[in-house]
Amino acid sequence: MKTTPSPITDSAELAALCGRLAGHPHIAIDTEFMRETTYFAKICLIQVASDDEAAAIDPLAKNLDLTPFYDLLQNQDVLKVFHAGRQDLEILVNMTGQLPSPCYDSQIAAMVCGFGDQVGYDKLVKGFLDINLDKGPRFTDWSQRPLTEKQISYALNDVIYLQEIYPVMAERIAKANRGHWLDEEMAVLSDLSVYQVNPEDAWRKIKHKGSKPEALNRIKHLAAWREQEAQRRDIPKTRLIKDDTLLAIAMAKPSSPEALGRIRGFPGGGGGKLIPEIMGVLKRAAKTPKDDWPKLPDPPSKKPSVAVLDLLRVLLKHVADHEGIAPRLIANADDLEQIALDKTDGIKAMHGWRYEIFGQYADAIKSGKLAVAVKNNATMLIPVAD
């Protein structure tokens, strides 16, 4: 395979590369980025590969016109293959405002190929190609220039082998007639909202045990303000103000700038500049009607039977092992609890192909028509006569 010895920094060279890549049915894409000191990931390198060439693109190069690459991302005739592509796609959405289309994630597909949940790229390469990857440069500073040959080689391996794996993986899934098993999972990749942060929902990611509605309202306003301010400054939100401090402010409900500044953990020095803004946020929160306060879901009125839940867990493991797929592709812990409580509306495990391989047996176990037993150190399902 032809590879570029150094990243592409010339617009004409990039346009020629993208023109060649556009002639292939699928290409592999990966990125290297930094985000330790910023809110938005700083893209430092883009790697692409077809079945006959691989190249690195330097997005930090001055005067490099990335338009041909952006056009390639939207080319409907070329499937873009990523591995664990959530962050890569988020970066590309921030760059272009659009999602690459169509897309494929080999980590998701690997769940159908017996690799378990969230399999790493190195394990995938070992499993499909029997190649051990060198992961030495993984934690390098990709923003430094020039990049070394070892860095470029490492980065290109992330797409060279991925483009080789994809057709083998796709053929294996097609032969097993399991392509539709991935439809819902892959569809999530095409949901633009997945990659866009709504500041109004930022409070949901903050752990706040037992917060009363009034305090929860303040948490929501403070979290939204912090998210927007961190985006504006392009700094990590916890560098602006930490979760514990934000919660302390919400609980203390300071009535004066002096009281706010005395809260434990409140940033000193430049933190004084935050005081007027935060006091304004608290005032806006106080004016919010009670009907608009955030609400937590009611705690379950009934807990599932431990015995039933344990049996469902065993059944899930049995089915996943038998089918050679990751359990999470069928159901998660919350799904099992709802099934144990006979609350199956909207539970994917109780519909479609998941019902065929798991849901119907879950129903049978709960109705006493099926038993789980162990023989020769392996689980087995036994019908129970009426």
Protein backbone atom coordinates (compact mmCIF):
# COMPACT_ATOMS: atom_id res chain seq x y z
CA MET A 1 0.00 0.00 0.00
CA LYS A 2 1.21 3.48 -0.86
CA THR A 3 1.65 5.78 2.15
CA THR A 4 2.66 9.43 2.46
CA PRO A 5 5.94 9.96 4.36
CA SER A 6 4.70 13.24 5.81
CA PRO A 7 1.31 14.89 6.34
CA ILE A 8 -0.31 16.67 3.40
CA THR A 9 -0.03 20.45 3.75
CA ASP A 10 -0.69 21.51 0.13
CA SER A 11 -4.23 22.24 -1.09
CA ALA A 12 -3.67 20.85 -4.59
CA GLU A 13 -2.20 17.64 -3.19
CA LEU A 14 -5.17 17.26 -0.84
CA ALA A 15 -7.66 17.82 -3.67
CA ALA A 16 -5.94 15.14 -5.74
CA LEU A 17 -6.00 12.69 -2.81
CA CYS A 18 -9.71 13.27 -2.16
CA GLY A 19 -10.43 12.81 -5.85
CA ARG A 20 -8.79 9.39 -5.77
CA LEU A 21 -10.50 8.40 -2.52
CA ALA A 22 -13.88 9.32 -4.01
CA GLY A 23 -13.50 6.43 -6.42
CA HIS A 24 -13.58 3.80 -3.66
CA PRO A 25 -16.73 2.26 -2.13
CA HIS A 26 -15.37 2.67 1.39
CA ILE A 27 -12.53 4.50 3.13
CA ALA A 28 -11.27 4.47 6.71
CA ILE A 29 -10.97 7.72 8.66
CA ASP A 30 -9.39 8.55 12.02
CA THR A 31 -8.22 11.69 13.78
CA GLU A 32 -5.66 12.67 16.37
CA PHE A 33 -6.65 15.51 18.66
CA MET A 34 -5.93 17.32 21.91
CA ARG A 35 -8.50 18.64 24.40
CA GLU A 36 -6.77 18.81 27.76
CA THR A 37 -6.79 22.62 27.85
CA THR A 38 -9.80 23.39 25.64
CA TYR A 39 -13.54 22.83 25.62
CA PHE A 40 -13.60 21.87 21.96
CA ALA A 41 -11.20 19.20 20.76
CA LYS A 42 -8.31 20.63 18.76
CA ILE A 43 -7.86 18.46 15.70
CA CYS A 44 -4.18 17.91 14.95
CA LEU A 45 -4.12 15.20 12.29
CA ILE A 46 -6.54 13.45 9.93
CA GLN A 47 -5.77 9.98 8.61
CA VAL A 48 -7.52 8.41 5.62
CA ALA A 49 -7.02 5.14 3.77
CA SER A 50 -8.48 3.27 0.81
CA ASP A 51 -7.47 -0.21 -0.25
CA ASP A 52 -4.46 1.10 -2.16
CA GLU A 53 -3.20 4.19 -0.32
CA ALA A 54 -3.08 5.82 3.09
CA ALA A 55 -2.33 9.44 3.88
CA ALA A 56 -2.21 11.88 6.76
CA ILE A 57 -3.61 15.39 6.43
CA ASP A 58 -2.30 18.28 8.52
CA PRO A 59 -5.29 20.46 9.46
CA LEU A 60 -2.93 22.83 11.31
CA ALA A 61 -1.08 23.70 8.09
CA LYS A 62 -1.44 27.34 7.08
CA ASN A 63 -3.52 28.05 3.98
CA LEU A 64 -4.57 24.40 3.57
CA ASP A 65 -8.01 24.33 1.96
CA LEU A 66 -9.92 21.42 3.52
CA THR A 67 -12.95 21.84 1.25
CA PRO A 68 -12.19 18.72 -0.85
CA PHE A 69 -12.03 16.66 2.32
CA TYR A 70 -15.29 18.14 3.58
CA ASP A 71 -16.91 17.30 0.23
CA LEU A 72 -15.62 13.74 0.52
CA LEU A 73 -17.26 13.43 3.92
CA GLN A 74 -20.63 14.16 2.29
CA ASN A 75 -20.10 11.92 -0.75
CA GLN A 76 -22.98 9.44 -0.56
CA ASP A 77 -21.15 6.92 -2.75
CA VAL A 78 -18.30 6.47 -0.26
CA LEU A 79 -18.86 4.75 3.07
CA LYS A 80 -16.80 6.35 5.85
CA VAL A 81 -15.55 3.73 8.31
CA PHE A 82 -14.51 4.74 11.81
CA HIS A 83 -13.60 2.79 14.92
CA ALA A 84 -15.18 4.10 18.14
CA GLY A 85 -15.97 7.15 16.06
CA ARG A 86 -18.08 9.21 18.47
CA GLN A 87 -15.31 11.72 19.23
CA ASP A 88 -14.06 11.80 15.65
CA LEU A 89 -17.57 12.55 14.43
CA GLU A 90 -18.07 15.21 17.09
CA ILE A 91 -14.89 16.94 15.92
CA LEU A 92 -15.95 16.80 12.27
CA VAL A 93 -19.40 18.16 13.14
CA ASN A 94 -17.77 21.08 14.96
CA MET A 95 -15.57 21.71 11.92
CA THR A 96 -18.23 21.48 9.24
CA GLY A 97 -21.62 21.72 10.94
CA GLN A 98 -22.57 18.45 9.23
CA LEU A 99 -22.25 14.76 9.92
CA PRO A 100 -20.19 12.65 7.51
CA SER A 101 -22.53 10.41 5.56
CA PRO A 102 -22.85 7.49 5.23
CA CYS A 103 -20.92 6.21 8.26
CA TYR A 104 -20.00 2.88 9.80
CA ASP A 105 -18.47 2.17 13.21
CA SER A 106 -16.41 -1.01 13.47
CA GLN A 107 -16.60 -0.97 17.27
CA ILE A 108 -20.38 -1.25 17.10
CA ALA A 109 -20.19 -3.93 14.41
CA ALA A 110 -17.66 -5.86 16.50
CA MET A 111 -20.41 -6.56 19.05
CA VAL A 112 -22.04 -8.83 16.47
CA CYS A 113 -18.73 -10.54 15.71
CA GLY A 114 -18.09 -11.85 19.21
CA PHE A 115 -15.66 -9.17 20.38
CA GLY A 116 -17.72 -7.93 23.30
CA ASP A 117 -18.72 -4.38 24.19
CA GLN A 118 -16.46 -1.41 23.33
CA VAL A 119 -13.62 -3.51 21.96
CA GLY A 120 -10.36 -1.64 21.43
CA TYR A 121 -8.84 -1.16 18.00
CA ASP A 122 -5.72 -3.17 18.88
CA LYS A 123 -7.84 -6.16 19.89
CA LEU A 124 -9.85 -5.89 16.68
CA VAL A 125 -6.70 -5.85 14.55
CA LYS A 126 -5.33 -8.84 16.44
CA GLY A 127 -8.61 -10.73 16.08
CA PHE A 128 -9.10 -10.14 12.35
CA LEU A 129 -5.56 -9.78 11.03
CA ASP A 130 -3.42 -11.41 13.76
CA ILE A 131 -1.26 -8.28 13.96
CA ASN A 132 0.01 -6.77 17.22
CA LEU A 133 -0.08 -2.98 17.12
CA ASP A 134 2.57 -0.72 18.61
CA LYS A 135 0.66 1.64 20.89
CA GLY A 136 3.76 3.52 22.07
CA PRO A 137 3.00 6.98 20.59
CA ARG A 138 -0.63 6.94 21.80
CA PHE A 139 -0.11 9.71 24.35
CA THR A 140 2.06 11.93 22.19
CA ASP A 141 1.52 15.66 21.71
CA TRP A 142 -0.04 15.72 18.26
CA SER A 143 0.01 19.51 18.08
CA GLN A 144 3.80 19.71 17.93
CA ARG A 145 5.49 20.09 14.58
CA PRO A 146 7.26 18.46 12.89
CA LEU A 147 5.77 15.04 13.56
CA THR A 148 8.20 12.12 13.57
CA GLU A 149 8.11 9.19 11.16
CA LYS A 150 7.14 6.95 14.09
CA GLN A 151 4.17 9.18 14.90
CA ILE A 152 3.00 9.20 11.29
CA SER A 153 3.39 5.43 11.01
CA TYR A 154 1.42 4.90 14.21
CA ALA A 155 -1.35 7.24 13.07
CA LEU A 156 -1.64 5.65 9.63
CA ASN A 157 -1.90 2.15 11.12
CA ASP A 158 -5.22 3.25 12.63
CA VAL A 159 -6.71 3.46 9.14
CA ILE A 160 -4.59 1.04 7.12
CA TYR A 161 -5.81 -1.96 9.06
CA LEU A 162 -9.31 -0.58 9.57
CA GLN A 163 -9.98 -0.45 5.82
CA GLU A 164 -8.77 -4.06 5.58
CA ILE A 165 -10.98 -5.21 8.46
CA TYR A 166 -14.20 -3.60 7.25
CA PRO A 167 -14.98 -5.83 4.23
CA VAL A 168 -14.13 -8.98 6.20
CA MET A 169 -16.32 -7.87 9.07
CA ALA A 170 -19.18 -6.83 6.78
CA GLU A 171 -19.05 -10.16 4.94
CA ARG A 172 -19.11 -12.11 8.21
CA ILE A 173 -22.16 -10.18 9.42
CA ALA A 174 -23.93 -10.55 6.06
CA LYS A 175 -23.33 -14.31 5.93
CA ALA A 176 -24.88 -14.61 9.39
CA ASN A 177 -27.84 -12.52 8.14
CA ARG A 178 -27.29 -10.08 11.02
CA GLY A 179 -26.93 -6.81 9.19
CA HIS A 180 -30.31 -5.63 10.48
CA TRP A 181 -29.14 -6.28 14.04
CA LEU A 182 -26.95 -3.20 13.72
CA ASP A 183 -29.45 -0.89 12.05
CA GLU A 184 -30.61 0.83 15.26
CA GLU A 185 -27.09 1.13 16.66
CA MET A 186 -25.66 2.57 13.44
CA ALA A 187 -28.63 4.94 13.11
CA VAL A 188 -27.46 6.73 16.26
CA LEU A 189 -24.33 7.78 14.35
CA SER A 190 -26.55 9.78 11.99
CA ASP A 191 -28.31 11.72 14.75
CA LEU A 192 -26.76 15.19 14.73
CA SER A 193 -28.13 15.97 18.22
CA VAL A 194 -25.86 13.29 19.70
CA TYR A 195 -22.84 15.49 18.98
CA GLN A 196 -24.34 18.82 19.99
CA VAL A 197 -24.34 19.88 23.64
CA ASN A 198 -27.51 21.52 24.91
CA PRO A 199 -26.51 23.73 27.88
CA GLU A 200 -30.02 23.32 29.31
CA ASP A 201 -29.31 19.62 29.82
CA ALA A 202 -25.84 20.06 31.35
CA TRP A 203 -27.19 19.66 34.92
CA ARG A 204 -28.09 16.04 34.20
CA LYS A 205 -24.38 15.13 34.11
CA ILE A 206 -23.73 16.50 37.59
CA LYS A 207 -24.12 14.06 40.48
CA HIS A 208 -26.57 15.65 42.92
CA LYS A 209 -27.97 13.20 45.42
CA GLY A 210 -31.14 14.19 47.20
CA SER A 211 -31.29 17.73 45.85
CA LYS A 212 -34.59 19.46 46.53
CA PRO A 213 -36.44 20.99 43.56
CA GLU A 214 -35.45 24.58 44.42
CA ALA A 215 -31.75 23.67 44.65
CA LEU A 216 -32.07 21.58 41.50
CA ASN A 217 -33.35 24.65 39.70
CA ARG A 218 -30.25 26.57 40.74
CA ILE A 219 -28.04 23.67 39.65
CA LYS A 220 -29.69 23.71 36.23
CA HIS A 221 -29.13 27.45 35.75
CA LEU A 222 -25.55 27.33 37.03
CA ALA A 223 -24.66 24.31 34.87
CA ALA A 224 -26.13 25.94 31.76
CA TRP A 225 -24.20 29.15 32.42
CA ARG A 226 -20.96 27.22 32.99
CA GLU A 227 -21.41 25.22 29.76
CA GLN A 228 -22.01 28.34 27.69
CA GLU A 229 -19.14 30.24 29.31
CA ALA A 230 -16.73 27.34 28.85
CA GLN A 231 -17.74 27.12 25.19
CA ARG A 232 -17.25 30.87 24.75
CA ARG A 233 -13.80 30.78 26.35
CA ASP A 234 -12.96 27.38 24.84
CA ILE A 235 -11.70 26.00 28.15
CA PRO A 236 -12.67 22.81 30.05
CA LYS A 237 -15.77 23.55 32.09
CA THR A 238 -14.23 22.14 35.28
CA ARG A 239 -11.33 24.57 34.84
CA LEU A 240 -13.86 27.39 34.99
CA ILE A 241 -15.54 26.03 38.12
CA LYS A 242 -15.62 22.49 39.50
CA ASP A 243 -18.76 20.40 40.01
CA ASP A 244 -18.40 20.33 43.80
CA THR A 245 -18.15 24.10 43.94
CA LEU A 246 -21.10 24.54 41.62
CA LEU A 247 -23.17 22.26 43.86
CA ALA A 248 -22.01 24.12 46.97
CA ILE A 249 -23.19 27.40 45.44
CA ALA A 250 -26.57 25.89 44.58
CA MET A 251 -27.02 24.51 48.10
CA ALA A 252 -25.75 27.59 49.94
CA LYS A 253 -27.82 30.04 47.90
CA PRO A 254 -25.49 32.98 48.67
CA SER A 255 -27.32 36.28 48.95
CA SER A 256 -24.31 38.57 48.47
CA PRO A 257 -21.06 38.65 46.51
CA GLU A 258 -19.14 38.34 49.78
CA ALA A 259 -21.01 35.16 50.72
CA LEU A 260 -20.40 33.72 47.26
CA GLY A 261 -16.67 34.42 47.45
CA ARG A 262 -16.43 32.59 50.80
CA ILE A 263 -17.81 29.31 49.45
CA ARG A 264 -15.25 26.55 49.72
CA GLY A 265 -13.53 25.82 46.43
CA PHE A 266 -14.62 29.06 44.78
CA PRO A 267 -11.78 30.02 42.41
CA GLY A 268 -9.54 32.72 43.80
CA GLY A 269 -7.65 35.31 41.84
CA GLY A 270 -9.46 35.63 38.55
CA GLY A 271 -12.46 33.93 40.10
CA GLY A 272 -13.58 37.29 41.42
CA LYS A 273 -14.57 38.18 37.89
CA LEU A 274 -17.13 35.36 38.00
CA ILE A 275 -18.97 36.74 41.00
CA PRO A 276 -21.21 39.25 39.17
CA GLU A 277 -22.11 36.65 36.52
CA ILE A 278 -22.94 33.94 39.03
CA MET A 279 -24.98 36.32 41.18
CA GLY A 280 -26.93 37.17 38.03
CA VAL A 281 -27.49 33.48 37.31
CA LEU A 282 -28.82 32.94 40.84
CA LYS A 283 -31.19 35.89 40.47
CA ARG A 284 -32.55 34.47 37.21
CA ALA A 285 -32.97 31.09 38.84
CA ALA A 286 -34.94 32.68 41.70
CA LYS A 287 -37.36 34.22 39.20
CA THR A 288 -38.05 30.88 37.46
CA PRO A 289 -41.65 29.72 38.07
CA LYS A 290 -41.93 26.49 40.06
CA ASP A 291 -43.66 24.80 37.14
CA ASP A 292 -40.47 25.27 35.13
CA TRP A 293 -38.14 23.77 37.73
CA PRO A 294 -36.40 20.57 36.59
CA LYS A 295 -37.97 17.39 37.78
CA LEU A 296 -36.31 14.11 38.61
CA PRO A 297 -38.11 10.90 37.69
CA ASP A 298 -40.14 9.39 40.49
CA PRO A 299 -38.41 6.50 42.25
CA PRO A 300 -39.81 3.13 41.23
CA SER A 301 -42.85 2.20 43.30
CA LYS A 302 -41.91 -1.44 43.08
CA LYS A 303 -38.57 -3.17 42.96
CA PRO A 304 -38.03 -6.18 40.72
CA SER A 305 -37.72 -9.60 42.26
CA VAL A 306 -34.06 -10.35 42.89
CA ALA A 307 -34.60 -13.95 41.82
CA VAL A 308 -36.25 -12.97 38.54
CA LEU A 309 -33.58 -10.37 37.87
CA ASP A 310 -30.80 -12.89 38.49
CA LEU A 311 -32.44 -15.38 36.12
CA LEU A 312 -32.71 -12.73 33.41
CA ARG A 313 -29.03 -11.87 33.83
CA VAL A 314 -28.11 -15.54 33.42
CA LEU A 315 -30.40 -15.81 30.39
CA LEU A 316 -28.82 -12.72 28.80
CA LYS A 317 -25.33 -14.14 29.29
CA HIS A 318 -26.45 -17.52 27.93
CA VAL A 319 -27.98 -15.98 24.80
CA ALA A 320 -25.05 -13.63 24.21
CA ASP A 321 -22.56 -16.49 24.47
CA HIS A 322 -24.68 -18.73 22.24
CA GLU A 323 -25.08 -16.06 19.56
CA GLY A 324 -21.52 -14.77 19.88
CA ILE A 325 -22.51 -11.14 20.44
CA ALA A 326 -22.07 -8.54 23.16
CA PRO A 327 -24.84 -8.60 25.82
CA ARG A 328 -25.30 -4.81 25.57
CA LEU A 329 -26.46 -5.20 21.99
CA ILE A 330 -29.47 -7.09 23.37
CA ALA A 331 -30.24 -5.40 26.69
CA ASN A 332 -28.69 -3.38 29.51
CA ALA A 333 -29.23 -3.49 33.28
CA ASP A 334 -32.13 -1.01 33.19
CA ASP A 335 -33.85 -3.06 30.47
CA LEU A 336 -33.65 -6.20 32.60
CA GLU A 337 -35.20 -4.41 35.56
CA GLN A 338 -38.10 -3.19 33.43
CA ILE A 339 -38.61 -6.68 31.97
CA ALA A 340 -38.61 -8.15 35.48
CA LEU A 341 -41.35 -5.65 36.39
CA ASP A 342 -43.35 -6.53 33.24
CA LYS A 343 -42.83 -2.99 31.92
CA THR A 344 -41.79 -3.84 28.40
CA ASP A 345 -43.14 -0.88 26.41
CA GLY A 346 -40.25 0.69 24.54
CA ILE A 347 -37.78 -1.99 25.65
CA LYS A 348 -35.87 -3.02 22.51
CA ALA A 349 -35.06 -6.44 23.95
CA MET A 350 -38.75 -7.33 23.77
CA HIS A 351 -39.21 -6.51 20.09
CA GLY A 352 -37.88 -7.56 16.69
CA TRP A 353 -34.82 -9.75 16.38
CA ARG A 354 -33.96 -9.25 20.05
CA TYR A 355 -37.28 -10.79 21.03
CA GLU A 356 -36.57 -13.78 18.80
CA ILE A 357 -33.26 -14.59 20.48
CA PHE A 358 -33.92 -13.29 24.01
CA GLY A 359 -37.30 -11.70 24.73
CA GLN A 360 -39.47 -14.76 24.13
CA TYR A 361 -37.28 -16.78 26.49
CA ALA A 362 -37.48 -14.06 29.11
CA ASP A 363 -41.27 -14.25 28.90
CA ALA A 364 -41.13 -18.04 29.17
CA ILE A 365 -38.90 -17.92 32.26
CA LYS A 366 -41.17 -15.40 33.99
CA SER A 367 -44.25 -17.52 33.24
CA GLY A 368 -42.62 -20.71 34.54
CA LYS A 369 -42.42 -22.36 31.12
CA LEU A 370 -38.63 -22.37 30.88
CA ALA A 371 -35.85 -23.22 33.31
CA VAL A 372 -32.13 -22.47 33.30
CA ALA A 373 -29.83 -25.32 34.24
CA VAL A 374 -26.11 -26.10 34.20
CA LYS A 375 -24.61 -29.14 32.56
CA ASN A 376 -20.91 -29.77 31.95
CA ASN A 377 -20.17 -26.27 33.28
CA ALA A 378 -22.40 -24.66 30.65
CA THR A 379 -25.87 -23.13 30.95
CA MET A 380 -28.79 -24.63 29.09
CA LEU A 381 -32.51 -23.88 28.72
CA ILE A 382 -35.04 -26.57 29.57
CA PRO A 383 -38.77 -26.36 28.73
CA VAL A 384 -41.02 -26.90 31.72
CA ALA A 385 -44.14 -29.03 31.18
CA ASP A 386 -47.45 -27.57 32.33
